[in-house]
Every structure is written in C-alpha cells, then in structure tokens.
Amino acid sequence: MLAVSRAKKRSRLQIIMEVLEALDHHGELHATDLSLIVKLSYDRLRSVLEDLDKKGLTDVERLEDERRSLVIRLTSEGRRLLEELRRLRRILEDYGLA
C-alpha cells in the first residue's frame, strides 16, 4: 500500500505572516494574485484580509471600474507588525525552536 503524504497544515499565524510578507515584497496586489502567491483559497484569504483590514494592518481598496476586484496594500502598522514577527522568528531560530 502506498503511503499518502500530507502537506503540513499552516497555522493562522503562518498564513498571516505569508500574506504580510507577500504584500511587503510586491507593494500592492489584487486579491486573486495574493491568493495564488500564498496558496490559499480566495474565500479563506478574504476572511484573513477582513481581519487584517479591521485591525488597520492592510488597506483594501475596491476598484471602481471592476466592482469585484480588490487591491490590497500593507499599512505602516502592518509593516511594523511584520518587522516584529520577523524579529521573533529570528529569536526562535537562534534558539533552535523554529
């Protein structure tokens, strides 16, 4: 019998960090492009984006000419959080915990 390998499930924190990293790297992204980059279904990504937007970490803009199209950018507060997460990741790596 063949063993089926399962991909490790990402934590919500990992997903949030990947979203913030992608936005930091690309500047701004359409929601569909972001979902492809972070390998997350559009519905799940939208839930994450709603939370990030409510907390002021991202800016979500609905394009007027394309009613259903969303463009997402990182806010300065989102950049600050990302820097803190990166710092914490480095500390965990230094201790061999990441």
PDB file of N, CA and C in Angstrom:
ATOM      1  N   MET A   1       0.845  -1.178   0.000  1.00  0.00           N
ATOM      2  CA  MET A   1       0.000   0.000   0.000  1.00  0.00           C
ATOM      3  C   MET A   1       0.890   1.241   0.000  1.00  0.00           C
ATOM      4  N   LEU A   2       0.562   2.196  -0.844  1.00  0.00           N
ATOM      5  CA  LEU A   2       1.332   3.428  -0.934  1.00  0.00           C
ATOM      6  C   LEU A   2       0.953   4.379   0.191  1.00  0.00           C
ATOM      7  N   ALA A   3       1.956   4.983   0.761  1.00  0.00           N
ATOM      8  CA  ALA A   3       1.703   5.993   1.808  1.00  0.00           C
ATOM      9  C   ALA A   3       1.374   7.310   1.128  1.00  0.00           C
ATOM     10  N   VAL A   4       0.364   7.946   1.628  1.00  0.00           N
ATOM     11  CA  VAL A   4      -0.036   9.251   1.092  1.00  0.00           C
ATOM     12  C   VAL A   4       0.592  10.316   1.961  1.00  0.00           C
ATOM     13  N   SER A   5       1.382  11.186   1.342  1.00  0.00           N
ATOM     14  CA  SER A   5       1.990  12.253   2.135  1.00  0.00           C
ATOM     15  C   SER A   5       1.017  13.420   2.217  1.00  0.00           C
ATOM     16  N   ARG A   6       0.902  13.953   3.383  1.00  0.00           N
ATOM     17  CA  ARG A   6       0.017  15.091   3.598  1.00  0.00           C
ATOM     18  C   ARG A   6       0.863  16.331   3.845  1.00  0.00           C
ATOM     19  N   ALA A   7       0.444  17.409   3.241  1.00  0.00           N
ATOM     20  CA  ALA A   7       1.130  18.669   3.481  1.00  0.00           C
ATOM     21  C   ALA A   7       0.827  19.132   4.898  1.00  0.00           C
ATOM     22  N   LYS A   8       1.831  19.691   5.535  1.00  0.00           N
ATOM     23  CA  LYS A   8       1.640  20.181   6.887  1.00  0.00           C
ATOM     24  C   LYS A   8       0.692  21.374   6.862  1.00  0.00           C
ATOM     25  N   LYS A   9      -0.287  21.341   7.727  1.00  0.00           N
ATOM     26  CA  LYS A   9      -1.262  22.421   7.796  1.00  0.00           C
ATOM     27  C   LYS A   9      -0.610  23.648   8.411  1.00  0.00           C
ATOM     28  N   ARG A  10      -0.804  24.790   7.766  1.00  0.00           N
ATOM     29  CA  ARG A  10      -0.234  26.036   8.271  1.00  0.00           C
ATOM     30  C   ARG A  10      -1.111  26.611   9.371  1.00  0.00           C
ATOM     31  N   SER A  11      -0.471  27.207  10.343  1.00  0.00           N
ATOM     32  CA  SER A  11      -1.216  27.884  11.405  1.00  0.00           C
ATOM     33  C   SER A  11      -1.725  29.222  10.863  1.00  0.00           C
ATOM     34  N   ARG A  12      -2.682  29.782  11.553  1.00  0.00           N
ATOM     35  CA  ARG A  12      -3.199  31.099  11.155  1.00  0.00           C
ATOM     36  C   ARG A  12      -2.077  32.137  11.187  1.00  0.00           C
ATOM     37  N   LEU A  13      -1.197  32.035  12.181  1.00  0.00           N
ATOM     38  CA  LEU A  13      -0.067  32.956  12.272  1.00  0.00           C
ATOM     39  C   LEU A  13       0.836  32.838  11.052  1.00  0.00           C
ATOM     40  N   GLN A  14       1.111  31.614  10.607  1.00  0.00           N
ATOM     41  CA  GLN A  14       1.942  31.416   9.412  1.00  0.00           C
ATOM     42  C   GLN A  14       1.274  32.035   8.186  1.00  0.00           C
ATOM     43  N   ILE A  15      -0.031  31.843   8.063  1.00  0.00           N
ATOM     44  CA  ILE A  15      -0.754  32.402   6.925  1.00  0.00           C
ATOM     45  C   ILE A  15      -0.695  33.922   6.954  1.00  0.00           C
ATOM     46  N   ILE A  16      -0.932  34.499   8.117  1.00  0.00           N
ATOM     47  CA  ILE A  16      -0.894  35.966   8.242  1.00  0.00           C
ATOM     48  C   ILE A  16       0.493  36.485   7.889  1.00  0.00           C
ATOM     49  N   MET A  17       1.514  35.820   8.375  1.00  0.00           N
ATOM     50  CA  MET A  17       2.876  36.266   8.071  1.00  0.00           C
ATOM     51  C   MET A  17       3.170  36.153   6.582  1.00  0.00           C
ATOM     52  N   GLU A  18       2.719  35.078   5.940  1.00  0.00           N
ATOM     53  CA  GLU A  18       2.922  34.930   4.498  1.00  0.00           C
ATOM     54  C   GLU A  18       2.195  36.029   3.722  1.00  0.00           C
ATOM     55  N   VAL A  19       0.992  36.383   4.149  1.00  0.00           N
ATOM     56  CA  VAL A  19       0.240  37.459   3.496  1.00  0.00           C
ATOM     57  C   VAL A  19       0.990  38.781   3.662  1.00  0.00           C
ATOM     58  N   LEU A  20       1.421  39.087   4.883  1.00  0.00           N
ATOM     59  CA  LEU A  20       2.153  40.331   5.125  1.00  0.00           C
ATOM     60  C   LEU A  20       3.460  40.371   4.356  1.00  0.00           C
ATOM     61  N   GLU A  21       4.184  39.240   4.303  1.00  0.00           N
ATOM     62  CA  GLU A  21       5.447  39.157   3.548  1.00  0.00           C
ATOM     63  C   GLU A  21       5.211  39.418   2.058  1.00  0.00           C
ATOM     64  N   ALA A  22       4.170  38.810   1.506  1.00  0.00           N
ATOM     65  CA  ALA A  22       3.869  38.982   0.078  1.00  0.00           C
ATOM     66  C   ALA A  22       3.543  40.436  -0.229  1.00  0.00           C
ATOM     67  N   LEU A  23       2.749  41.059   0.632  1.00  0.00           N
ATOM     68  CA  LEU A  23       2.387  42.463   0.410  1.00  0.00           C
ATOM     69  C   LEU A  23       3.609  43.367   0.566  1.00  0.00           C
ATOM     70  N   ASP A  24       4.469  43.054   1.501  1.00  0.00           N
ATOM     71  CA  ASP A  24       5.689  43.843   1.687  1.00  0.00           C
ATOM     72  C   ASP A  24       6.587  43.713   0.466  1.00  0.00           C
ATOM     73  N   HIS A  25       6.690  42.525  -0.078  1.00  0.00           N
ATOM     74  CA  HIS A  25       7.558  42.272  -1.235  1.00  0.00           C
ATOM     75  C   HIS A  25       7.007  42.901  -2.519  1.00  0.00           C
ATOM     76  N   HIS A  26       5.703  42.787  -2.743  1.00  0.00           N
ATOM     77  CA  HIS A  26       5.108  43.228  -4.010  1.00  0.00           C
ATOM     78  C   HIS A  26       4.528  44.640  -3.967  1.00  0.00           C
ATOM     79  N   GLY A  27       4.366  45.206  -2.799  1.00  0.00           N
ATOM     80  CA  GLY A  27       3.799  46.557  -2.702  1.00  0.00           C
ATOM     81  C   GLY A  27       2.295  46.531  -2.584  1.00  0.00           C
ATOM     82  N   GLU A  28       1.641  46.175  -3.647  1.00  0.00           N
ATOM     83  CA  GLU A  28       0.193  46.000  -3.626  1.00  0.00           C
ATOM     84  C   GLU A  28      -0.160  44.866  -4.573  1.00  0.00           C
ATOM     85  N   LEU A  29      -1.241  44.180  -4.237  1.00  0.00           N
ATOM     86  CA  LEU A  29      -1.633  43.022  -5.036  1.00  0.00           C
ATOM     87  C   LEU A  29      -3.137  42.947  -5.156  1.00  0.00           C
ATOM     88  N   HIS A  30      -3.603  42.429  -6.285  1.00  0.00           N
ATOM     89  CA  HIS A  30      -5.009  42.068  -6.413  1.00  0.00           C
ATOM     90  C   HIS A  30      -5.230  40.833  -5.539  1.00  0.00           C
ATOM     91  N   ALA A  31      -6.407  40.717  -4.970  1.00  0.00           N
ATOM     92  CA  ALA A  31      -6.711  39.612  -4.061  1.00  0.00           C
ATOM     93  C   ALA A  31      -6.495  38.262  -4.735  1.00  0.00           C
ATOM     94  N   THR A  32      -6.861  38.145  -6.000  1.00  0.00           N
ATOM     95  CA  THR A  32      -6.685  36.860  -6.684  1.00  0.00           C
ATOM     96  C   THR A  32      -5.196  36.515  -6.828  1.00  0.00           C
ATOM     97  N   ASP A  33      -4.360  37.507  -7.119  1.00  0.00           N
ATOM     98  CA  ASP A  33      -2.915  37.264  -7.219  1.00  0.00           C
ATOM     99  C   ASP A  33      -2.341  36.876  -5.859  1.00  0.00           C
ATOM    100  N   LEU A  34      -2.783  37.565  -4.823  1.00  0.00           N
ATOM    101  CA  LEU A  34      -2.312  37.260  -3.475  1.00  0.00           C
ATOM    102  C   LEU A  34      -2.699  35.839  -3.068  1.00  0.00           C
ATOM    103  N   SER A  35      -3.908  35.425  -3.425  1.00  0.00           N
ATOM    104  CA  SER A  35      -4.339  34.065  -3.066  1.00  0.00           C
ATOM    105  C   SER A  35      -3.458  33.016  -3.750  1.00  0.00           C
ATOM    106  N   LEU A  36      -3.016  33.296  -4.973  1.00  0.00           N
ATOM    107  CA  LEU A  36      -2.126  32.369  -5.670  1.00  0.00           C
ATOM    108  C   LEU A  36      -0.735  32.347  -5.042  1.00  0.00           C
ATOM    109  N   ILE A  37      -0.245  33.505  -4.657  1.00  0.00           N
ATOM    110  CA  ILE A  37       1.096  33.603  -4.067  1.00  0.00           C
ATOM    111  C   ILE A  37       1.167  32.864  -2.740  1.00  0.00           C
ATOM    112  N   VAL A  38       0.151  33.050  -1.894  1.00  0.00           N
ATOM    113  CA  VAL A  38       0.186  32.426  -0.565  1.00  0.00           C
ATOM    114  C   VAL A  38      -0.494  31.051  -0.556  1.00  0.00           C
ATOM    115  N   LYS A  39      -0.931  30.612  -1.739  1.00  0.00           N
ATOM    116  CA  LYS A  39      -1.560  29.288  -1.903  1.00  0.00           C
ATOM    117  C   LYS A  39      -2.695  29.079  -0.905  1.00  0.00           C
ATOM    118  N   LEU A  40      -3.672  29.976  -1.019  1.00  0.00           N
ATOM    119  CA  LEU A  40      -4.824  29.964  -0.126  1.00  0.00           C
ATOM    120  C   LEU A  40      -6.062  30.213  -0.968  1.00  0.00           C
ATOM    121  N   SER A  41      -7.136  29.501  -0.663  1.00  0.00           N
ATOM    122  CA  SER A  41      -8.358  29.723  -1.423  1.00  0.00           C
ATOM    123  C   SER A  41      -8.803  31.171  -1.261  1.00  0.00           C
ATOM    124  N   TYR A  42      -9.479  31.678  -2.264  1.00  0.00           N
ATOM    125  CA  TYR A  42      -9.923  33.072  -2.230  1.00  0.00           C
ATOM    126  C   TYR A  42     -10.823  33.329  -1.026  1.00  0.00           C
ATOM    127  N   ASP A  43     -11.730  32.400  -0.721  1.00  0.00           N
ATOM    128  CA  ASP A  43     -12.639  32.584   0.419  1.00  0.00           C
ATOM    129  C   ASP A  43     -11.876  32.650   1.738  1.00  0.00           C
ATOM    130  N   ARG A  44     -10.911  31.764   1.908  1.00  0.00           N
ATOM    131  CA  ARG A  44     -10.126  31.771   3.152  1.00  0.00           C
ATOM    132  C   ARG A  44      -9.277  33.027   3.242  1.00  0.00           C
ATOM    133  N   LEU A  45      -8.686  33.436   2.110  1.00  0.00           N
ATOM    134  CA  LEU A  45      -7.890  34.656   2.084  1.00  0.00           C
ATOM    135  C   LEU A  45      -8.755  35.862   2.443  1.00  0.00           C
ATOM    136  N   ARG A  46      -9.940  35.902   1.907  1.00  0.00           N
ATOM    137  CA  ARG A  46     -10.829  37.039   2.175  1.00  0.00           C
ATOM    138  C   ARG A  46     -11.119  37.168   3.672  1.00  0.00           C
ATOM    139  N   SER A  47     -11.301  36.053   4.347  1.00  0.00           N
ATOM    140  CA  SER A  47     -11.525  36.059   5.798  1.00  0.00           C
ATOM    141  C   SER A  47     -10.313  36.646   6.525  1.00  0.00           C
ATOM    142  N   VAL A  48      -9.122  36.231   6.122  1.00  0.00           N
ATOM    143  CA  VAL A  48      -7.894  36.751   6.728  1.00  0.00           C
ATOM    144  C   VAL A  48      -7.775  38.243   6.450  1.00  0.00           C
ATOM    145  N   LEU A  49      -8.042  38.655   5.210  1.00  0.00           N
ATOM    146  CA  LEU A  49      -7.930  40.063   4.838  1.00  0.00           C
ATOM    147  C   LEU A  49      -8.915  40.942   5.609  1.00  0.00           C
ATOM    148  N   GLU A  50     -10.115  40.434   5.841  1.00  0.00           N
ATOM    149  CA  GLU A  50     -11.093  41.202   6.624  1.00  0.00           C
ATOM    150  C   GLU A  50     -10.554  41.481   8.021  1.00  0.00           C
ATOM    151  N   ASP A  51      -9.951  40.462   8.640  1.00  0.00           N
ATOM    152  CA  ASP A  51      -9.374  40.637   9.976  1.00  0.00           C
ATOM    153  C   ASP A  51      -8.209  41.624   9.959  1.00  0.00           C
ATOM    154  N   LEU A  52      -7.324  41.485   8.979  1.00  0.00           N
ATOM    155  CA  LEU A  52      -6.177  42.389   8.888  1.00  0.00           C
ATOM    156  C   LEU A  52      -6.626  43.819   8.638  1.00  0.00           C
ATOM    157  N   ASP A  53      -7.640  43.980   7.809  1.00  0.00           N
ATOM    158  CA  ASP A  53      -8.153  45.315   7.492  1.00  0.00           C
ATOM    159  C   ASP A  53      -8.801  45.954   8.728  1.00  0.00           C
ATOM    160  N   LYS A  54      -9.592  45.193   9.468  1.00  0.00           N
ATOM    161  CA  LYS A  54     -10.236  45.715  10.683  1.00  0.00           C
ATOM    162  C   LYS A  54      -9.221  46.194  11.706  1.00  0.00           C
ATOM    163  N   LYS A  55      -8.065  45.539  11.730  1.00  0.00           N
ATOM    164  CA  LYS A  55      -7.029  45.896  12.697  1.00  0.00           C
ATOM    165  C   LYS A  55      -6.077  46.970  12.161  1.00  0.00           C
ATOM    166  N   GLY A  56      -6.348  47.450  10.943  1.00  0.00           N
ATOM    167  CA  GLY A  56      -5.538  48.518  10.376  1.00  0.00           C
ATOM    168  C   GLY A  56      -4.188  48.076   9.854  1.00  0.00           C
ATOM    169  N   LEU A  57      -4.026  46.780   9.592  1.00  0.00           N
ATOM    170  CA  LEU A  57      -2.750  46.254   9.117  1.00  0.00           C
ATOM    171  C   LEU A  57      -2.640  46.265   7.600  1.00  0.00           C
ATOM    172  N   THR A  58      -3.777  46.276   6.932  1.00  0.00           N
ATOM    173  CA  THR A  58      -3.815  46.360   5.470  1.00  0.00           C
ATOM    174  C   THR A  58      -4.850  47.396   5.066  1.00  0.00           C
ATOM    175  N   ASP A  59      -4.712  47.833   3.843  1.00  0.00           N
ATOM    176  CA  ASP A  59      -5.687  48.734   3.238  1.00  0.00           C
ATOM    177  C   ASP A  59      -6.273  47.984   2.048  1.00  0.00           C
ATOM    178  N   VAL A  60      -7.578  47.743   2.075  1.00  0.00           N
ATOM    179  CA  VAL A  60      -8.247  47.020   0.997  1.00  0.00           C
ATOM    180  C   VAL A  60      -9.076  48.015   0.208  1.00  0.00           C
ATOM    181  N   GLU A  61      -8.784  48.105  -1.075  1.00  0.00           N
ATOM    182  CA  GLU A  61      -9.492  49.049  -1.945  1.00  0.00           C
ATOM    183  C   GLU A  61     -10.265  48.281  -3.011  1.00  0.00           C
ATOM    184  N   ARG A  62     -11.524  48.596  -3.129  1.00  0.00           N
ATOM    185  CA  ARG A  62     -12.346  48.005  -4.192  1.00  0.00           C
ATOM    186  C   ARG A  62     -12.229  48.917  -5.412  1.00  0.00           C
ATOM    187  N   LEU A  63     -11.784  48.362  -6.528  1.00  0.00           N
ATOM    188  CA  LEU A  63     -11.615  49.155  -7.744  1.00  0.00           C
ATOM    189  C   LEU A  63     -12.978  49.512  -8.318  1.00  0.00           C
ATOM    190  N   GLU A  64     -13.158  50.782  -8.648  1.00  0.00           N
ATOM    191  CA  GLU A  64     -14.454  51.249  -9.152  1.00  0.00           C
ATOM    192  C   GLU A  64     -14.804  50.660 -10.509  1.00  0.00           C
ATOM    193  N   ASP A  65     -13.807  50.540 -11.384  1.00  0.00           N
ATOM    194  CA  ASP A  65     -14.091  50.041 -12.729  1.00  0.00           C
ATOM    195  C   ASP A  65     -14.315  48.528 -12.759  1.00  0.00           C
ATOM    196  N   GLU A  66     -13.850  47.850 -11.728  1.00  0.00           N
ATOM    197  CA  GLU A  66     -14.045  46.398 -11.640  1.00  0.00           C
ATOM    198  C   GLU A  66     -14.677  46.111 -10.280  1.00  0.00           C
ATOM    199  N   ARG A  67     -15.962  46.100 -10.215  1.00  0.00           N
ATOM    200  CA  ARG A  67     -16.705  46.024  -8.963  1.00  0.00           C
ATOM    201  C   ARG A  67     -16.223  44.943  -8.011  1.00  0.00           C
ATOM    202  N   ARG A  68     -15.823  43.821  -8.556  1.00  0.00           N
ATOM    203  CA  ARG A  68     -15.451  42.691  -7.701  1.00  0.00           C
ATOM    204  C   ARG A  68     -13.952  42.615  -7.433  1.00  0.00           C
ATOM    205  N   SER A  69     -13.181  43.517  -7.976  1.00  0.00           N
ATOM    206  CA  SER A  69     -11.732  43.437  -7.845  1.00  0.00           C
ATOM    207  C   SER A  69     -11.240  44.212  -6.617  1.00  0.00           C
ATOM    208  N   LEU A  70     -10.406  43.563  -5.830  1.00  0.00           N
ATOM    209  CA  LEU A  70      -9.836  44.177  -4.633  1.00  0.00           C
ATOM    210  C   LEU A  70      -8.333  44.326  -4.795  1.00  0.00           C
ATOM    211  N   VAL A  71      -7.802  45.466  -4.363  1.00  0.00           N
ATOM    212  CA  VAL A  71      -6.364  45.682  -4.316  1.00  0.00           C
ATOM    213  C   VAL A  71      -5.992  45.851  -2.850  1.00  0.00           C
ATOM    214  N   ILE A  72      -4.957  45.132  -2.431  1.00  0.00           N
ATOM    215  CA  ILE A  72      -4.558  45.145  -1.030  1.00  0.00           C
ATOM    216  C   ILE A  72      -3.155  45.703  -0.893  1.00  0.00           C
ATOM    217  N   ARG A  73      -2.973  46.554   0.109  1.00  0.00           N
ATOM    218  CA  ARG A  73      -1.663  47.122   0.438  1.00  0.00           C
ATOM    219  C   ARG A  73      -1.418  46.970   1.930  1.00  0.00           C
ATOM    220  N   LEU A  74      -0.159  46.951   2.280  1.00  0.00           N
ATOM    221  CA  LEU A  74       0.256  46.907   3.672  1.00  0.00           C
ATOM    222  C   LEU A  74       0.263  48.337   4.213  1.00  0.00           C
ATOM    223  N   THR A  75      -0.254  48.551   5.403  1.00  0.00           N
ATOM    224  CA  THR A  75      -0.183  49.868   6.041  1.00  0.00           C
ATOM    225  C   THR A  75       1.118  49.961   6.839  1.00  0.00           C
ATOM    226  N   SER A  76       1.431  51.136   7.344  1.00  0.00           N
ATOM    227  CA  SER A  76       2.633  51.288   8.166  1.00  0.00           C
ATOM    228  C   SER A  76       2.531  50.430   9.425  1.00  0.00           C
ATOM    229  N   GLU A  77       1.325  50.308   9.979  1.00  0.00           N
ATOM    230  CA  GLU A  77       1.117  49.448  11.149  1.00  0.00           C
ATOM    231  C   GLU A  77       1.352  47.978  10.772  1.00  0.00           C
ATOM    232  N   GLY A  78       0.922  47.582   9.585  1.00  0.00           N
ATOM    233  CA  GLY A  78       1.162  46.225   9.112  1.00  0.00           C
ATOM    234  C   GLY A  78       2.641  45.951   8.942  1.00  0.00           C
ATOM    235  N   ARG A  79       3.384  46.947   8.455  1.00  0.00           N
ATOM    236  CA  ARG A  79       4.840  46.802   8.307  1.00  0.00           C
ATOM    237  C   ARG A  79       5.514  46.660   9.672  1.00  0.00           C
ATOM    238  N   ARG A  80       5.041  47.437  10.645  1.00  0.00           N
ATOM    239  CA  ARG A  80       5.601  47.326  11.997  1.00  0.00           C
ATOM    240  C   ARG A  80       5.370  45.925  12.573  1.00  0.00           C
ATOM    241  N   LEU A  81       4.147  45.411  12.400  1.00  0.00           N
ATOM    242  CA  LEU A  81       3.857  44.063  12.883  1.00  0.00           C
ATOM    243  C   LEU A  81       4.742  43.040  12.186  1.00  0.00           C
ATOM    244  N   LEU A  82       4.904  43.162  10.879  1.00  0.00           N
ATOM    245  CA  LEU A  82       5.742  42.226  10.132  1.00  0.00           C
ATOM    246  C   LEU A  82       7.178  42.256  10.648  1.00  0.00           C
ATOM    247  N   GLU A  83       7.709  43.427  10.927  1.00  0.00           N
ATOM    248  CA  GLU A  83       9.072  43.527  11.461  1.00  0.00           C
ATOM    249  C   GLU A  83       9.179  42.833  12.819  1.00  0.00           C
ATOM    250  N   GLU A  84       8.173  42.994  13.664  1.00  0.00           N
ATOM    251  CA  GLU A  84       8.169  42.318  14.965  1.00  0.00           C
ATOM    252  C   GLU A  84       8.105  40.793  14.790  1.00  0.00           C
ATOM    253  N   LEU A  85       7.276  40.332  13.864  1.00  0.00           N
ATOM    254  CA  LEU A  85       7.179  38.895  13.603  1.00  0.00           C
ATOM    255  C   LEU A  85       8.499  38.341  13.072  1.00  0.00           C
ATOM    256  N   ARG A  86       9.148  39.100  12.207  1.00  0.00           N
ATOM    257  CA  ARG A  86      10.456  38.675  11.700  1.00  0.00           C
ATOM    258  C   ARG A  86      11.477  38.602  12.834  1.00  0.00           C
ATOM    259  N   ARG A  87      11.451  39.594  13.716  1.00  0.00           N
ATOM    260  CA  ARG A  87      12.363  39.617  14.858  1.00  0.00           C
ATOM    261  C   ARG A  87      12.133  38.395  15.751  1.00  0.00           C
ATOM    262  N   LEU A  88      10.866  38.099  16.030  1.00  0.00           N
ATOM    263  CA  LEU A  88      10.547  36.935  16.857  1.00  0.00           C
ATOM    264  C   LEU A  88      10.963  35.629  16.187  1.00  0.00           C
ATOM    265  N   ARG A  89      10.777  35.564  14.874  1.00  0.00           N
ATOM    266  CA  ARG A  89      11.191  34.354  14.151  1.00  0.00           C
ATOM    267  C   ARG A  89      12.702  34.155  14.264  1.00  0.00           C
ATOM    268  N   ARG A  90      13.475  35.252  14.140  1.00  0.00           N
ATOM    269  CA  ARG A  90      14.935  35.148  14.269  1.00  0.00           C
ATOM    270  C   ARG A  90      15.336  34.668  15.667  1.00  0.00           C
ATOM    271  N   ILE A  91      14.656  35.160  16.686  1.00  0.00           N
ATOM    272  CA  ILE A  91      14.947  34.735  18.064  1.00  0.00           C
ATOM    273  C   ILE A  91      14.667  33.237  18.200  1.00  0.00           C
ATOM    274  N   LEU A  92      13.511  32.793  17.703  1.00  0.00           N
ATOM    275  CA  LEU A  92      13.179  31.367  17.786  1.00  0.00           C
ATOM    276  C   LEU A  92      14.179  30.520  17.030  1.00  0.00           C
ATOM    277  N   GLU A  93      14.625  31.011  15.864  1.00  0.00           N
ATOM    278  CA  GLU A  93      15.624  30.278  15.082  1.00  0.00           C
ATOM    279  C   GLU A  93      16.944  30.204  15.838  1.00  0.00           C
ATOM    280  N   ASP A  94      17.326  31.297  16.512  1.00  0.00           N
ATOM    281  CA  ASP A  94      18.574  31.320  17.281  1.00  0.00           C
ATOM    282  C   ASP A  94      18.560  30.273  18.392  1.00  0.00           C
ATOM    283  N   TYR A  95      17.386  30.016  18.941  1.00  0.00           N
ATOM    284  CA  TYR A  95      17.239  29.017  19.997  1.00  0.00           C
ATOM    285  C   TYR A  95      16.907  27.627  19.448  1.00  0.00           C
ATOM    286  N   GLY A  96      16.847  27.517  18.129  1.00  0.00           N
ATOM    287  CA  GLY A  96      16.545  26.229  17.513  1.00  0.00           C
ATOM    288  C   GLY A  96      15.098  25.808  17.695  1.00  0.00           C
ATOM    289  N   LEU A  97      14.224  26.763  17.856  1.00  0.00           N
ATOM    290  CA  LEU A  97      12.808  26.470  18.110  1.00  0.00           C
ATOM    291  C   LEU A  97      11.907  26.719  16.906  1.00  0.00           C
ATOM    292  N   ALA A  98      12.478  27.171  15.822  1.00  0.00           N
ATOM    293  CA  ALA A  98      11.645  27.455  14.650  1.00  0.00           C
ATOM    294  C   ALA A  98      11.953  26.499  13.520  1.00  0.00           C
TER     295      ALA A  98
END
